[in-house]
Structures are given as C-alpha cells and as structure tokens.
Amino acid sequence: MAFQNQTIVVTGAAGSLGRSVAENFHAAGAQVVLVDKEQGLLDSHFPDEDPRYAKVAVDLLDPVAVLAAFAQIQAAYDGIDALCAIAGGFHMGEPVHDTPADKWDTMYDLNVRTLLHSVHAIVPPMIARGSGKIVTVGANAALKGVPGMGAYCASKSTVMRLTEAMAGELRDKSININCVLPSIIDTPVNRADMPDTDAALWVAPSDLASVFMFLCSPGARAIHGALIPVVGLS
C-alpha cells in the first residue's frame, strides 16, 4: 500500500500503537501529522526533523484547541486524507459498584471525548472535499462486560457504537469510518504489568498498524462501520 501525497493524522502518536501506526504510514510515503498532548513526548519519540513528520501538541480534551490545531493542519497540507484516532487509556480493578466517579470520567475523557473532539474538527472538512477515512480503536474486551473492567468496557463500547452511527451518517459522503478491536497489545507497559504472560500471544503493534493502513487505503472503500477484531494468537 502506497500513501504518497496523502496526509494522515495520528492521535496518541507518542504511545506504542501510535508510534507504530505513524512509522508504517511514513514508510509508505505519507505525510504524517503526529498529535499528542505533550511536545516533549513527541520530540523524544520522533527526534529527527523529518519533513514528512509534523508534530502537533494539543490537549484533545480542549475542543477549542482541537478545532484550531486541526484547522492549521488542514491549511498546511490542503486537507486531511485520514484520521487514525488512537488516543485513549485503560483502567481496571474495581467492580462497577465500587468504581470511583473520577475513573468513569477518566475513561470517558480519554476514550470517548478525545474521539468526539477530533471528529468534530475533522469531519466537516472531509465532507467539503468529498472523501476521507477514519479509523477508531475499540476493544475486543468491550464486546461484552468484563468483571473489574466496567468503566473501560463501557467507554470502548461507546466508541464502537459511535463508529457505527457515524458510518451510517457519512457513507453517502464518501467517508469511511471503521473500528479495530485489539485484544492485549504487546507494549512495554503490558509486559511490565503482566510479566508471567506469554507476550507472543498478544497483538504486535505492527500487525495492528497493517489493519489501520488497509482501512485507510482505496481497497477499503466499500467498508463502513466494521468492528474488526485483531487478537493475535490469544
């Protein structure tokens, strides 16, 4: 898959999955806009001044700042071809009845509101230009409720329902929006948190990146609202 002359925005670009997705699109020739909250994180993970990487530090929970940042990206690159909405977070531990209110808020902020603010900024220009691709991140675990993961599953399930709703709304505007559902991703944090688990059974970020790339390619033009499990060998 080639992405020359295409602009791909990756939110959560400083995370393990975001970095892998960004690097794979870059290797395929794309102009990649790296979006994350802190400039220092972007600089540490993408230290080279590569002209096909652009780093944009913005708090995705600030809707005004997101609108301004995405407008600047649109102007700089004459439009955005695809959004990989990877920014998000994870929490588990308490049963639903004992989950603190701030944990519910955090899960909805990181997983739902970051997406809502991003699509609020990016969809109208995509409609105006008559094309676009959006890939969101749900969770294989959120296909059902999991004990101790109520807030996380609820927030990711919301992402999945929003993806389906937007797919129906945007299909006739030549905008594809689909969702990947990873199981455990092989990241340094997960390896540290679960040292006794065989990480070979988990999903490699590069394998997930390949799915993102397909969903942003012309080959996926007939796919709308798909929830695609990516579960490795687990």
C-alpha atoms as a PDB file:
ATOM      1  CA  MET A   1       0.000   0.000   0.000  1.00  0.00           C
ATOM      2  CA  ALA A   2       1.309   3.406  -1.004  1.00  0.00           C
ATOM      3  CA  PHE A   3       0.282   6.696   0.596  1.00  0.00           C
ATOM      4  CA  GLN A   4       2.349   9.243  -1.299  1.00  0.00           C
ATOM      5  CA  ASN A   5       0.776  12.713  -1.366  1.00  0.00           C
ATOM      6  CA  GLN A   6      -1.622  11.766   1.441  1.00  0.00           C
ATOM      7  CA  THR A   7      -1.852  13.401   4.850  1.00  0.00           C
ATOM      8  CA  ILE A   8      -2.522  11.037   7.741  1.00  0.00           C
ATOM      9  CA  VAL A   9      -3.253  12.360  11.228  1.00  0.00           C
ATOM     10  CA  VAL A  10      -2.421  10.050  14.143  1.00  0.00           C
ATOM     11  CA  THR A  11      -3.689  10.994  17.596  1.00  0.00           C
ATOM     12  CA  GLY A  12      -1.957   9.421  20.575  1.00  0.00           C
ATOM     13  CA  ALA A  13       1.137   9.343  18.385  1.00  0.00           C
ATOM     14  CA  ALA A  14       3.578   9.139  21.311  1.00  0.00           C
ATOM     15  CA  GLY A  15       2.118   5.843  22.539  1.00  0.00           C
ATOM     16  CA  SER A  16       3.322   2.411  21.445  1.00  0.00           C
ATOM     17  CA  LEU A  17       0.496   1.813  18.965  1.00  0.00           C
ATOM     18  CA  GLY A  18       0.502   5.412  17.735  1.00  0.00           C
ATOM     19  CA  ARG A  19       4.217   5.267  17.013  1.00  0.00           C
ATOM     20  CA  SER A  20       3.904   2.023  15.094  1.00  0.00           C
ATOM     21  CA  VAL A  21       0.997   3.301  13.000  1.00  0.00           C
ATOM     22  CA  ALA A  22       2.815   6.564  12.289  1.00  0.00           C
ATOM     23  CA  GLU A  23       6.037   4.796  11.299  1.00  0.00           C
ATOM     24  CA  ASN A  24       4.242   2.411   8.964  1.00  0.00           C
ATOM     25  CA  PHE A  25       2.382   5.201   7.162  1.00  0.00           C
ATOM     26  CA  HIS A  26       5.619   7.185   6.935  1.00  0.00           C
ATOM     27  CA  ALA A  27       7.399   4.195   5.399  1.00  0.00           C
ATOM     28  CA  ALA A  28       4.584   4.001   2.823  1.00  0.00           C
ATOM     29  CA  GLY A  29       5.229   7.579   1.726  1.00  0.00           C
ATOM     30  CA  ALA A  30       2.616   9.546   3.685  1.00  0.00           C
ATOM     31  CA  GLN A  31       2.882  12.945   5.285  1.00  0.00           C
ATOM     32  CA  VAL A  32       2.179  12.001   8.915  1.00  0.00           C
ATOM     33  CA  VAL A  33       0.876  14.510  11.445  1.00  0.00           C
ATOM     34  CA  LEU A  34       1.748  13.349  14.956  1.00  0.00           C
ATOM     35  CA  VAL A  35      -0.746  14.562  17.546  1.00  0.00           C
ATOM     36  CA  ASP A  36      -0.260  14.163  21.287  1.00  0.00           C
ATOM     37  CA  LYS A  37      -0.697  16.215  24.426  1.00  0.00           C
ATOM     38  CA  GLU A  38       2.940  16.993  25.189  1.00  0.00           C
ATOM     39  CA  GLN A  39       5.564  18.326  22.804  1.00  0.00           C
ATOM     40  CA  GLY A  40       8.301  16.699  24.871  1.00  0.00           C
ATOM     41  CA  LEU A  41       6.835  13.231  24.321  1.00  0.00           C
ATOM     42  CA  LEU A  42       6.622  13.798  20.586  1.00  0.00           C
ATOM     43  CA  ASP A  43      10.186  15.104  20.457  1.00  0.00           C
ATOM     44  CA  SER A  44      11.524  12.182  22.473  1.00  0.00           C
ATOM     45  CA  HIS A  45       9.905   9.532  20.275  1.00  0.00           C
ATOM     46  CA  PHE A  46      10.375  11.353  16.965  1.00  0.00           C
ATOM     47  CA  PRO A  47      13.663  13.241  17.460  1.00  0.00           C
ATOM     48  CA  ASP A  48      14.624  13.628  13.805  1.00  0.00           C
ATOM     49  CA  GLU A  49      13.495  16.674  11.823  1.00  0.00           C
ATOM     50  CA  ASP A  50      11.935  14.653   9.039  1.00  0.00           C
ATOM     51  CA  PRO A  51       9.858  16.847   6.700  1.00  0.00           C
ATOM     52  CA  ARG A  52       7.237  14.107   6.345  1.00  0.00           C
ATOM     53  CA  TYR A  53       6.597  14.159  10.085  1.00  0.00           C
ATOM     54  CA  ALA A  54       4.793  17.130  11.630  1.00  0.00           C
ATOM     55  CA  LYS A  55       4.411  17.285  15.395  1.00  0.00           C
ATOM     56  CA  VAL A  56       1.334  18.950  16.886  1.00  0.00           C
ATOM     57  CA  ALA A  57       0.986  19.192  20.664  1.00  0.00           C
ATOM     58  CA  VAL A  58      -2.653  19.714  21.642  1.00  0.00           C
ATOM     59  CA  ASP A  59      -4.902  18.633  24.506  1.00  0.00           C
ATOM     60  CA  LEU A  60      -7.635  16.608  22.817  1.00  0.00           C
ATOM     61  CA  LEU A  61      -9.917  17.331  25.780  1.00  0.00           C
ATOM     62  CA  ASP A  62      -9.917  21.038  24.852  1.00  0.00           C
ATOM     63  CA  PRO A  63     -12.410  21.314  21.965  1.00  0.00           C
ATOM     64  CA  VAL A  64     -11.415  24.880  21.078  1.00  0.00           C
ATOM     65  CA  ALA A  65      -7.725  23.977  20.901  1.00  0.00           C
ATOM     66  CA  VAL A  66      -8.529  20.874  18.822  1.00  0.00           C
ATOM     67  CA  LEU A  67     -10.520  22.915  16.293  1.00  0.00           C
ATOM     68  CA  ALA A  68      -7.673  25.389  15.966  1.00  0.00           C
ATOM     69  CA  ALA A  69      -4.996  22.706  15.640  1.00  0.00           C
ATOM     70  CA  PHE A  70      -6.893  20.733  13.012  1.00  0.00           C
ATOM     71  CA  ALA A  71      -7.655  23.901  11.063  1.00  0.00           C
ATOM     72  CA  GLN A  72      -3.915  24.622  10.934  1.00  0.00           C
ATOM     73  CA  ILE A  73      -3.239  21.081   9.724  1.00  0.00           C
ATOM     74  CA  GLN A  74      -5.919  21.413   7.042  1.00  0.00           C
ATOM     75  CA  ALA A  75      -4.413  24.685   5.833  1.00  0.00           C
ATOM     76  CA  ALA A  76      -0.824  23.444   5.886  1.00  0.00           C
ATOM     77  CA  TYR A  77      -1.479  20.281   3.878  1.00  0.00           C
ATOM     78  CA  ASP A  78      -4.532  21.227   1.828  1.00  0.00           C
ATOM     79  CA  GLY A  79      -6.753  18.741   3.606  1.00  0.00           C
ATOM     80  CA  ILE A  80      -6.537  15.571   5.672  1.00  0.00           C
ATOM     81  CA  ASP A  81      -6.946  12.208   3.962  1.00  0.00           C
ATOM     82  CA  ALA A  82      -7.264  10.022   7.043  1.00  0.00           C
ATOM     83  CA  LEU A  83      -7.540  10.174  10.811  1.00  0.00           C
ATOM     84  CA  CYS A  84      -6.230   7.355  12.978  1.00  0.00           C
ATOM     85  CA  ALA A  85      -7.903   8.118  16.312  1.00  0.00           C
ATOM     86  CA  ILE A  86      -5.660   6.168  18.657  1.00  0.00           C
ATOM     87  CA  ALA A  87      -5.569   8.419  21.737  1.00  0.00           C
ATOM     88  CA  GLY A  88      -7.085   6.592  24.686  1.00  0.00           C
ATOM     89  CA  GLY A  89      -6.465   4.931  28.016  1.00  0.00           C
ATOM     90  CA  PHE A  90      -7.089   1.886  30.196  1.00  0.00           C
ATOM     91  CA  HIS A  91      -8.219   1.272  33.748  1.00  0.00           C
ATOM     92  CA  MET A  92      -9.286  -1.843  35.624  1.00  0.00           C
ATOM     93  CA  GLY A  93      -9.547  -3.172  39.144  1.00  0.00           C
ATOM     94  CA  GLU A  94     -12.734  -2.209  40.939  1.00  0.00           C
ATOM     95  CA  PRO A  95     -16.175  -3.762  40.492  1.00  0.00           C
ATOM     96  CA  VAL A  96     -18.728  -1.455  38.895  1.00  0.00           C
ATOM     97  CA  HIS A  97     -20.398  -0.534  42.186  1.00  0.00           C
ATOM     98  CA  ASP A  98     -17.051   0.455  43.692  1.00  0.00           C
ATOM     99  CA  THR A  99     -15.509   2.307  40.731  1.00  0.00           C
ATOM    100  CA  PRO A 100     -14.798   5.925  41.761  1.00  0.00           C
ATOM    101  CA  ALA A 101     -16.518   8.676  39.783  1.00  0.00           C
ATOM    102  CA  ASP A 102     -13.190  10.081  38.639  1.00  0.00           C
ATOM    103  CA  LYS A 103     -12.293   6.746  36.997  1.00  0.00           C
ATOM    104  CA  TRP A 104     -15.532   6.803  34.982  1.00  0.00           C
ATOM    105  CA  ASP A 105     -14.748  10.369  33.951  1.00  0.00           C
ATOM    106  CA  THR A 106     -11.172   9.480  33.007  1.00  0.00           C
ATOM    107  CA  MET A 107     -12.213   6.560  30.811  1.00  0.00           C
ATOM    108  CA  TYR A 108     -14.842   8.625  29.010  1.00  0.00           C
ATOM    109  CA  ASP A 109     -12.459  11.557  28.643  1.00  0.00           C
ATOM    110  CA  LEU A 110      -9.595   9.517  27.214  1.00  0.00           C
ATOM    111  CA  ASN A 111     -11.556   7.093  25.058  1.00  0.00           C
ATOM    112  CA  VAL A 112     -14.722   8.954  24.045  1.00  0.00           C
ATOM    113  CA  ARG A 113     -14.258  12.713  24.299  1.00  0.00           C
ATOM    114  CA  THR A 114     -10.870  12.698  22.559  1.00  0.00           C
ATOM    115  CA  LEU A 115     -12.602  10.989  19.628  1.00  0.00           C
ATOM    116  CA  LEU A 116     -15.628  13.295  19.674  1.00  0.00           C
ATOM    117  CA  HIS A 117     -13.485  16.429  19.667  1.00  0.00           C
ATOM    118  CA  SER A 118     -11.329  15.044  16.850  1.00  0.00           C
ATOM    119  CA  VAL A 119     -14.223  14.115  14.557  1.00  0.00           C
ATOM    120  CA  HIS A 120     -15.984  17.403  15.320  1.00  0.00           C
ATOM    121  CA  ALA A 121     -12.928  19.151  13.892  1.00  0.00           C
ATOM    122  CA  ILE A 122     -12.128  16.825  11.010  1.00  0.00           C
ATOM    123  CA  VAL A 123     -15.419  15.581   9.560  1.00  0.00           C
ATOM    124  CA  PRO A 124     -16.823  18.865   8.165  1.00  0.00           C
ATOM    125  CA  PRO A 125     -13.701  19.495   6.026  1.00  0.00           C
ATOM    126  CA  MET A 126     -13.781  15.872   4.850  1.00  0.00           C
ATOM    127  CA  ILE A 127     -17.422  16.337   3.825  1.00  0.00           C
ATOM    128  CA  ALA A 128     -16.479  19.506   1.979  1.00  0.00           C
ATOM    129  CA  ARG A 129     -13.744  17.765  -0.015  1.00  0.00           C
ATOM    130  CA  GLY A 130     -15.881  14.662  -0.600  1.00  0.00           C
ATOM    131  CA  SER A 131     -13.630  11.986   0.857  1.00  0.00           C
ATOM    132  CA  GLY A 132     -11.898  10.738   3.968  1.00  0.00           C
ATOM    133  CA  LYS A 133     -11.027   7.756   6.123  1.00  0.00           C
ATOM    134  CA  ILE A 134     -11.333   7.468   9.901  1.00  0.00           C
ATOM    135  CA  VAL A 135     -10.180   4.517  11.987  1.00  0.00           C
ATOM    136  CA  THR A 136     -11.112   4.308  15.667  1.00  0.00           C
ATOM    137  CA  VAL A 137      -9.948   1.952  18.419  1.00  0.00           C
ATOM    138  CA  GLY A 138     -12.479  -0.083  20.361  1.00  0.00           C
ATOM    139  CA  ALA A 139     -11.555  -3.200  22.308  1.00  0.00           C
ATOM    140  CA  ASN A 140     -12.178  -6.893  21.871  1.00  0.00           C
ATOM    141  CA  ALA A 141     -12.919  -6.989  25.612  1.00  0.00           C
ATOM    142  CA  ALA A 142     -15.727  -4.458  25.122  1.00  0.00           C
ATOM    143  CA  LEU A 143     -17.795  -6.880  23.051  1.00  0.00           C
ATOM    144  CA  LYS A 144     -19.171  -7.847  26.456  1.00  0.00           C
ATOM    145  CA  GLY A 145     -18.824  -6.674  30.029  1.00  0.00           C
ATOM    146  CA  VAL A 146     -15.722  -7.941  31.812  1.00  0.00           C
ATOM    147  CA  PRO A 147     -15.550  -8.114  35.632  1.00  0.00           C
ATOM    148  CA  GLY A 148     -13.296  -5.413  37.019  1.00  0.00           C
ATOM    149  CA  MET A 149     -13.266  -3.534  33.707  1.00  0.00           C
ATOM    150  CA  GLY A 150     -16.710  -1.937  33.675  1.00  0.00           C
ATOM    151  CA  ALA A 151     -15.629   1.660  33.066  1.00  0.00           C
ATOM    152  CA  TYR A 152     -13.144   0.698  30.376  1.00  0.00           C
ATOM    153  CA  CYS A 153     -15.556  -1.652  28.585  1.00  0.00           C
ATOM    154  CA  ALA A 154     -18.350   0.924  28.727  1.00  0.00           C
ATOM    155  CA  SER A 155     -16.173   3.651  27.242  1.00  0.00           C
ATOM    156  CA  LYS A 156     -14.807   1.443  24.462  1.00  0.00           C
ATOM    157  CA  SER A 157     -18.283   0.108  23.711  1.00  0.00           C
ATOM    158  CA  THR A 158     -19.345   3.734  23.280  1.00  0.00           C
ATOM    159  CA  VAL A 159     -16.540   4.236  20.768  1.00  0.00           C
ATOM    160  CA  MET A 160     -17.800   1.219  18.839  1.00  0.00           C
ATOM    161  CA  ARG A 161     -21.415   2.456  18.793  1.00  0.00           C
ATOM    162  CA  LEU A 162     -20.300   5.942  17.739  1.00  0.00           C
ATOM    163  CA  THR A 163     -18.275   4.417  14.915  1.00  0.00           C
ATOM    164  CA  GLU A 164     -21.311   2.535  13.639  1.00  0.00           C
ATOM    165  CA  ALA A 165     -23.506   5.635  13.907  1.00  0.00           C
ATOM    166  CA  MET A 166     -21.021   7.841  12.059  1.00  0.00           C
ATOM    167  CA  ALA A 167     -20.536   5.197   9.379  1.00  0.00           C
ATOM    168  CA  GLY A 168     -24.224   5.394   8.560  1.00  0.00           C
ATOM    169  CA  GLU A 169     -24.168   9.190   8.611  1.00  0.00           C
ATOM    170  CA  LEU A 170     -21.087   9.585   6.422  1.00  0.00           C
ATOM    171  CA  ARG A 171     -21.329   6.684   3.981  1.00  0.00           C
ATOM    172  CA  ASP A 172     -23.069   8.685   1.254  1.00  0.00           C
ATOM    173  CA  LYS A 173     -20.424  11.397   1.625  1.00  0.00           C
ATOM    174  CA  SER A 174     -17.601   9.018   0.620  1.00  0.00           C
ATOM    175  CA  ILE A 175     -16.170   8.961   4.131  1.00  0.00           C
ATOM    176  CA  ASN A 176     -15.315   5.562   5.593  1.00  0.00           C
ATOM    177  CA  ILE A 177     -15.179   5.095   9.351  1.00  0.00           C
ATOM    178  CA  ASN A 178     -14.293   1.741  10.861  1.00  0.00           C
ATOM    179  CA  CYS A 179     -13.050   0.399  14.188  1.00  0.00           C
ATOM    180  CA  VAL A 180     -10.315  -2.043  15.186  1.00  0.00           C
ATOM    181  CA  LEU A 181     -10.851  -4.203  18.274  1.00  0.00           C
ATOM    182  CA  PRO A 182      -7.491  -5.293  19.659  1.00  0.00           C
ATOM    183  CA  SER A 183      -7.006  -7.762  22.452  1.00  0.00           C
ATOM    184  CA  ILE A 184      -3.871  -7.259  24.599  1.00  0.00           C
ATOM    185  CA  ILE A 185      -1.283  -5.259  22.663  1.00  0.00           C
ATOM    186  CA  ASP A 186       2.366  -6.166  23.061  1.00  0.00           C
ATOM    187  CA  THR A 187       3.717  -2.985  24.652  1.00  0.00           C
ATOM    188  CA  PRO A 188       6.463  -2.377  27.234  1.00  0.00           C
ATOM    189  CA  VAL A 189       3.820  -1.311  29.774  1.00  0.00           C
ATOM    190  CA  ASN A 190       1.794  -4.510  29.325  1.00  0.00           C
ATOM    191  CA  ARG A 191       4.912  -6.653  29.552  1.00  0.00           C
ATOM    192  CA  ALA A 192       5.848  -4.926  32.816  1.00  0.00           C
ATOM    193  CA  ASP A 193       2.333  -5.268  34.220  1.00  0.00           C
ATOM    194  CA  MET A 194       1.945  -8.933  33.194  1.00  0.00           C
ATOM    195  CA  PRO A 195       5.441 -10.425  33.389  1.00  0.00           C
ATOM    196  CA  ASP A 196       4.219 -14.023  33.670  1.00  0.00           C
ATOM    197  CA  THR A 197       2.103 -13.921  30.491  1.00  0.00           C
ATOM    198  CA  ASP A 198       3.415 -15.124  27.130  1.00  0.00           C
ATOM    199  CA  ALA A 199       3.611 -11.903  25.121  1.00  0.00           C
ATOM    200  CA  ALA A 200       3.945 -13.942  21.924  1.00  0.00           C
ATOM    201  CA  LEU A 201       0.183 -14.493  22.175  1.00  0.00           C
ATOM    202  CA  TRP A 202      -0.555 -10.771  22.164  1.00  0.00           C
ATOM    203  CA  VAL A 203      -1.115  -8.411  19.233  1.00  0.00           C
ATOM    204  CA  ALA A 204       2.008  -6.823  17.808  1.00  0.00           C
ATOM    205  CA  PRO A 205       1.594  -3.066  17.210  1.00  0.00           C
ATOM    206  CA  SER A 206       2.931  -3.568  13.672  1.00  0.00           C
ATOM    207  CA  ASP A 207       0.137  -6.054  12.930  1.00  0.00           C
ATOM    208  CA  LEU A 208      -2.438  -3.551  14.138  1.00  0.00           C
ATOM    209  CA  ALA A 209      -0.761  -0.883  12.035  1.00  0.00           C
ATOM    210  CA  SER A 210      -1.267  -3.038   8.945  1.00  0.00           C
ATOM    211  CA  VAL A 211      -5.011  -3.112   9.623  1.00  0.00           C
ATOM    212  CA  PHE A 212      -5.077   0.672  10.011  1.00  0.00           C
ATOM    213  CA  MET A 213      -3.296   1.037   6.706  1.00  0.00           C
ATOM    214  CA  PHE A 214      -5.716  -1.243   4.888  1.00  0.00           C
ATOM    215  CA  LEU A 215      -8.729   0.617   6.296  1.00  0.00           C
ATOM    216  CA  CYS A 216      -7.210   3.904   5.075  1.00  0.00           C
ATOM    217  CA  SER A 217      -6.479   2.512   1.612  1.00  0.00           C
ATOM    218  CA  PRO A 218      -8.643   2.515  -1.550  1.00  0.00           C
ATOM    219  CA  GLY A 219      -9.116  -1.219  -1.021  1.00  0.00           C
ATOM    220  CA  ALA A 220     -11.393  -0.467   1.945  1.00  0.00           C
ATOM    221  CA  ARG A 221     -13.667   1.966   0.074  1.00  0.00           C
ATOM    222  CA  ALA A 222     -16.657  -0.392   0.431  1.00  0.00           C
ATOM    223  CA  ILE A 223     -16.188  -0.992   4.182  1.00  0.00           C
ATOM    224  CA  HIS A 224     -18.313   1.136   6.510  1.00  0.00           C
ATOM    225  CA  GLY A 225     -18.872   0.689  10.239  1.00  0.00           C
ATOM    226  CA  ALA A 226     -16.916  -2.536  10.566  1.00  0.00           C
ATOM    227  CA  LEU A 227     -15.757  -3.674  14.005  1.00  0.00           C
ATOM    228  CA  ILE A 228     -12.651  -5.703  13.234  1.00  0.00           C
ATOM    229  CA  PRO A 229     -11.193  -7.988  15.932  1.00  0.00           C
ATOM    230  CA  VAL A 230      -7.387  -8.065  15.914  1.00  0.00           C
ATOM    231  CA  VAL A 231      -6.490 -10.605  18.564  1.00  0.00           C
ATOM    232  CA  GLY A 232      -3.120 -12.080  17.663  1.00  0.00           C
ATOM    233  CA  LEU A 233      -2.726 -15.640  18.915  1.00  0.00           C
ATOM    234  CA  SER A 234      -4.531 -15.103  22.234  1.00  0.00           C
END
